N, C-alpha and C. Protein backbone atom coordinates (compact mmCIF):
# COMPACT_ATOMS: atom_id res chain seq x y z
N MET A 1 1.01 -1.23 0.06
CA MET A 1 0.02 -0.09 -0.03
C MET A 1 0.80 1.23 -0.07
N ASP A 2 0.69 2.12 -0.81
CA ASP A 2 1.53 3.34 -0.88
C ASP A 2 0.95 4.35 0.04
N ALA A 3 1.74 5.50 0.26
CA ALA A 3 1.54 6.40 1.23
C ALA A 3 0.18 7.45 0.77
N GLY A 4 -0.09 7.37 -0.52
CA GLY A 4 -1.24 8.06 -0.97
C GLY A 4 -1.05 9.64 -0.90
N GLY A 5 0.09 10.11 -0.80
CA GLY A 5 0.19 11.63 -0.74
C GLY A 5 0.10 12.07 0.70
N PHE A 6 0.04 11.16 1.68
CA PHE A 6 -0.12 11.54 3.03
C PHE A 6 1.34 11.94 3.60
N LYS A 7 1.45 12.98 4.67
CA LYS A 7 2.68 13.25 5.18
C LYS A 7 3.06 12.06 5.99
N PRO A 8 4.43 12.02 6.33
CA PRO A 8 4.85 10.73 7.25
C PRO A 8 4.07 10.65 8.53
N ASN A 9 3.83 11.69 9.34
CA ASN A 9 3.05 11.41 10.44
C ASN A 9 1.70 11.07 10.49
N THR A 10 1.01 11.56 9.20
CA THR A 10 -0.24 11.21 8.96
C THR A 10 -0.29 9.77 8.50
N TRP A 11 0.67 9.30 7.74
CA TRP A 11 0.65 7.82 7.29
C TRP A 11 0.94 6.87 8.60
N GLN A 12 1.77 7.35 9.45
CA GLN A 12 2.05 6.58 10.62
C GLN A 12 0.64 6.43 11.65
N LYS A 13 0.00 7.52 11.56
CA LYS A 13 -1.25 7.36 12.50
C LYS A 13 -2.20 6.39 11.64
N PHE A 14 -2.20 6.46 10.41
CA PHE A 14 -3.04 5.65 9.59
C PHE A 14 -2.78 4.20 9.89
N GLU A 15 -1.39 3.85 9.84
CA GLU A 15 -1.08 2.48 10.11
C GLU A 15 -1.21 2.01 11.32
N ARG A 16 -1.08 2.74 12.49
CA ARG A 16 -1.54 2.40 13.80
C ARG A 16 -3.05 2.21 13.88
N LEU A 17 -3.79 2.98 13.32
CA LEU A 17 -5.23 2.83 13.39
C LEU A 17 -5.66 1.58 12.48
N SER A 18 -5.00 1.32 11.45
CA SER A 18 -5.17 0.07 10.56
C SER A 18 -4.89 -1.11 11.39
N SER A 19 -3.74 -1.08 12.12
CA SER A 19 -3.21 -2.17 13.10
C SER A 19 -4.34 -2.37 14.01
N ALA A 20 -4.89 -1.42 14.69
CA ALA A 20 -5.69 -1.55 15.75
C ALA A 20 -6.93 -2.05 15.32
N TRP A 21 -7.56 -1.63 14.14
CA TRP A 21 -8.86 -2.25 13.48
C TRP A 21 -8.59 -3.76 13.18
N ASN A 22 -7.48 -4.08 12.67
CA ASN A 22 -7.37 -5.45 12.43
C ASN A 22 -7.29 -6.34 13.56
N GLN A 23 -6.62 -5.94 14.70
CA GLN A 23 -6.67 -6.47 15.94
C GLN A 23 -8.05 -6.74 16.58
N ALA A 24 -8.71 -5.74 16.36
CA ALA A 24 -10.20 -5.69 16.78
C ALA A 24 -10.95 -6.65 16.16
N ARG A 25 -10.86 -6.72 14.82
CA ARG A 25 -11.52 -7.72 14.06
C ARG A 25 -11.30 -9.17 14.37
N LEU A 26 -9.97 -9.43 14.86
CA LEU A 26 -9.54 -10.84 14.88
C LEU A 26 -10.29 -11.20 16.35
N GLY A 27 -10.42 -10.46 17.15
CA GLY A 27 -11.18 -10.60 18.49
C GLY A 27 -10.05 -10.90 19.57
N ILE A 28 -10.28 -10.97 20.73
CA ILE A 28 -9.29 -11.05 21.73
C ILE A 28 -8.44 -12.23 21.80
N GLY A 29 -8.88 -13.52 21.57
CA GLY A 29 -8.18 -14.82 21.66
C GLY A 29 -7.60 -15.18 20.14
N ASP A 30 -7.99 -14.69 19.22
CA ASP A 30 -7.48 -14.90 17.84
C ASP A 30 -6.10 -14.41 17.59
N GLN A 31 -5.31 -15.18 16.82
CA GLN A 31 -3.94 -14.66 16.44
C GLN A 31 -3.84 -14.58 14.91
N PRO A 32 -3.35 -13.67 14.25
CA PRO A 32 -3.13 -13.47 13.01
C PRO A 32 -2.40 -14.52 12.51
N ASP A 33 -2.33 -14.95 11.17
CA ASP A 33 -1.84 -15.86 10.51
C ASP A 33 -0.23 -16.02 10.72
N GLY A 34 0.45 -14.95 10.71
CA GLY A 34 1.93 -14.93 10.78
C GLY A 34 2.42 -14.66 12.27
N ALA A 35 1.60 -14.55 13.24
CA ALA A 35 2.06 -14.18 14.55
C ALA A 35 2.66 -15.30 15.36
N PRO A 36 3.61 -14.93 16.19
CA PRO A 36 4.39 -16.08 16.81
C PRO A 36 3.41 -16.64 17.88
N ALA A 37 3.51 -17.83 18.07
CA ALA A 37 2.58 -18.56 18.98
C ALA A 37 2.96 -18.39 20.51
N ALA A 38 4.27 -18.37 20.77
CA ALA A 38 4.55 -18.22 22.23
C ALA A 38 5.02 -16.84 22.67
N GLU A 39 5.00 -16.58 23.87
CA GLU A 39 5.32 -15.28 24.34
C GLU A 39 6.97 -15.24 24.35
N PRO A 40 7.63 -14.08 24.15
CA PRO A 40 9.12 -13.89 24.00
C PRO A 40 9.63 -14.33 25.43
N ASP A 41 10.97 -14.85 25.27
CA ASP A 41 11.58 -15.35 26.52
C ASP A 41 11.96 -14.29 27.41
N VAL A 42 12.08 -14.59 28.74
CA VAL A 42 12.54 -13.73 29.80
C VAL A 42 14.02 -13.25 29.55
N VAL A 43 14.27 -12.04 29.50
CA VAL A 43 15.73 -11.59 29.37
C VAL A 43 16.29 -11.79 30.77
N ALA A 44 17.33 -12.76 30.68
CA ALA A 44 18.14 -13.00 31.80
C ALA A 44 19.25 -12.02 32.19
N ASN A 45 19.97 -11.51 31.07
CA ASN A 45 21.07 -10.47 31.28
C ASN A 45 20.52 -9.22 30.41
N PRO A 46 19.88 -8.17 31.07
CA PRO A 46 19.45 -7.01 30.12
C PRO A 46 20.76 -6.38 29.80
N ARG A 47 20.63 -5.77 28.64
CA ARG A 47 21.81 -4.80 28.10
C ARG A 47 21.98 -3.51 28.75
N ARG A 48 20.97 -3.08 29.32
CA ARG A 48 21.21 -1.77 30.18
C ARG A 48 20.37 -1.80 31.51
N ARG A 49 20.90 -1.18 32.46
CA ARG A 49 20.30 -0.94 33.64
C ARG A 49 19.04 -0.37 33.66
N ALA A 50 18.13 -0.76 34.54
CA ALA A 50 16.85 0.05 34.61
C ALA A 50 17.08 1.26 35.34
N ARG A 51 17.77 1.30 36.52
CA ARG A 51 18.13 2.28 37.37
C ARG A 51 19.73 2.44 37.50
N THR A 52 20.07 3.62 37.79
CA THR A 52 21.46 3.72 38.01
C THR A 52 21.85 3.98 39.34
N PRO A 53 22.40 2.78 40.08
CA PRO A 53 22.66 2.85 41.48
C PRO A 53 23.99 3.88 41.74
N LEU A 54 23.66 4.73 42.56
CA LEU A 54 24.76 5.75 42.88
C LEU A 54 24.97 5.57 44.38
N THR A 55 26.34 5.63 44.61
CA THR A 55 26.67 5.62 46.04
C THR A 55 26.66 7.04 46.60
N ASP A 56 26.67 6.99 47.96
CA ASP A 56 26.63 8.28 48.62
C ASP A 56 27.89 9.25 48.23
N SER A 57 29.06 8.69 48.01
CA SER A 57 30.32 9.49 47.61
C SER A 57 30.00 9.93 46.02
N GLN A 58 29.43 9.26 45.46
CA GLN A 58 29.15 9.77 44.09
C GLN A 58 28.24 10.85 43.88
N VAL A 59 27.11 10.85 44.78
CA VAL A 59 26.14 11.80 44.83
C VAL A 59 26.65 12.98 45.36
N ASP A 60 27.59 13.05 46.34
CA ASP A 60 28.40 14.22 46.86
C ASP A 60 29.34 14.90 45.78
N ALA A 61 30.05 13.78 44.84
CA ALA A 61 30.87 14.38 43.91
C ALA A 61 30.05 15.10 42.86
N ILE A 62 28.76 14.61 42.70
CA ILE A 62 27.99 15.21 41.43
C ILE A 62 27.53 16.56 42.13
N ARG A 63 27.26 16.65 43.44
CA ARG A 63 26.67 17.82 43.82
C ARG A 63 27.73 18.94 44.04
N THR A 64 29.08 18.41 44.26
CA THR A 64 30.20 19.43 44.34
C THR A 64 30.53 19.94 42.95
N ALA A 65 30.50 19.02 41.94
CA ALA A 65 30.80 19.56 40.75
C ALA A 65 29.73 20.48 40.07
N ARG A 66 28.60 20.13 40.36
CA ARG A 66 27.50 21.09 40.00
C ARG A 66 27.47 22.45 40.67
N ALA A 67 27.83 22.51 42.08
CA ALA A 67 28.17 23.78 42.70
C ALA A 67 29.28 24.39 42.08
N ASN A 68 30.29 23.80 41.54
CA ASN A 68 31.47 24.46 41.08
C ASN A 68 31.24 24.96 39.76
N GLY A 69 29.90 24.81 39.21
CA GLY A 69 29.62 25.33 37.85
C GLY A 69 29.83 24.46 36.63
N GLU A 70 30.11 23.12 36.85
CA GLU A 70 30.18 22.24 35.71
C GLU A 70 28.85 21.92 35.23
N SER A 71 28.64 21.73 33.88
CA SER A 71 27.34 21.48 33.37
C SER A 71 26.75 20.23 33.69
N VAL A 72 25.57 19.99 33.64
CA VAL A 72 24.78 18.82 33.93
C VAL A 72 25.17 17.85 32.92
N VAL A 73 25.32 18.27 31.49
CA VAL A 73 25.74 17.07 30.51
C VAL A 73 27.12 16.52 30.84
N SER A 74 27.96 17.44 31.17
CA SER A 74 29.40 16.92 31.23
C SER A 74 29.30 15.99 32.47
N ILE A 75 28.72 16.33 33.57
CA ILE A 75 28.60 15.40 34.80
C ILE A 75 28.05 14.07 34.36
N SER A 76 26.89 14.08 33.71
CA SER A 76 26.37 13.04 33.33
C SER A 76 27.21 11.99 32.53
N ARG A 77 27.89 12.54 31.62
CA ARG A 77 28.80 11.85 31.00
C ARG A 77 29.99 11.11 31.81
N ARG A 78 30.57 11.98 32.54
CA ARG A 78 31.52 11.48 33.42
C ARG A 78 31.05 10.33 34.31
N PHE A 79 29.89 10.48 34.80
CA PHE A 79 29.46 9.40 35.80
C PHE A 79 28.70 8.34 35.05
N GLY A 80 28.32 8.43 33.81
CA GLY A 80 27.56 7.51 33.16
C GLY A 80 26.30 7.48 33.47
N VAL A 81 25.55 8.33 33.77
CA VAL A 81 24.14 8.61 34.07
C VAL A 81 23.34 9.51 33.28
N HIS A 82 22.00 9.41 33.18
CA HIS A 82 21.14 10.21 32.58
C HIS A 82 21.38 11.60 33.16
N ARG A 83 21.17 12.68 32.20
CA ARG A 83 21.32 13.91 32.72
C ARG A 83 20.14 14.42 33.67
N MET A 84 19.16 13.72 33.54
CA MET A 84 18.01 13.99 34.50
C MET A 84 18.27 13.44 36.03
N THR A 85 18.99 12.33 35.98
CA THR A 85 19.62 11.74 37.13
C THR A 85 20.36 13.01 38.00
N VAL A 86 21.23 13.56 37.10
CA VAL A 86 22.19 14.53 37.70
C VAL A 86 21.22 15.82 38.24
N TRP A 87 20.31 16.07 37.32
CA TRP A 87 19.64 17.30 37.74
C TRP A 87 18.60 16.93 39.04
N THR A 88 18.18 15.92 39.18
CA THR A 88 17.22 15.67 40.28
C THR A 88 18.16 15.46 41.72
N ARG A 89 19.32 14.80 41.44
CA ARG A 89 20.26 14.71 42.62
C ARG A 89 20.72 16.14 43.00
N THR A 90 20.96 17.03 42.11
CA THR A 90 21.39 18.33 42.41
C THR A 90 20.26 19.50 42.72
N LYS A 91 19.15 19.11 42.52
CA LYS A 91 18.14 20.07 42.65
C LYS A 91 17.75 20.35 44.18
N HIS A 92 17.79 19.29 45.05
CA HIS A 92 17.74 19.67 46.41
C HIS A 92 18.82 18.85 47.15
N PRO A 93 19.81 19.83 47.64
CA PRO A 93 20.82 19.52 48.27
C PRO A 93 20.74 18.62 49.54
């Protein structure tokens, strides 16, 4: 099926609605012809951490660096954490 002159965002919305419509037509217990029969396996070793555990000394170092004027981005890169983690840890000392 071609995009029919739609913009990319409109085409994506159309595809999502089409997919939802097809799933509703199949019903709750039905599976489409090409669908996998089993659920995916449990991930034993995730590739990335869900949360970044920081020690008290790391939090103190982050707060000190931020108080000395270092940017949140450079601190986050140095400690290997998300910039929002740095921001929340330095927001309330």
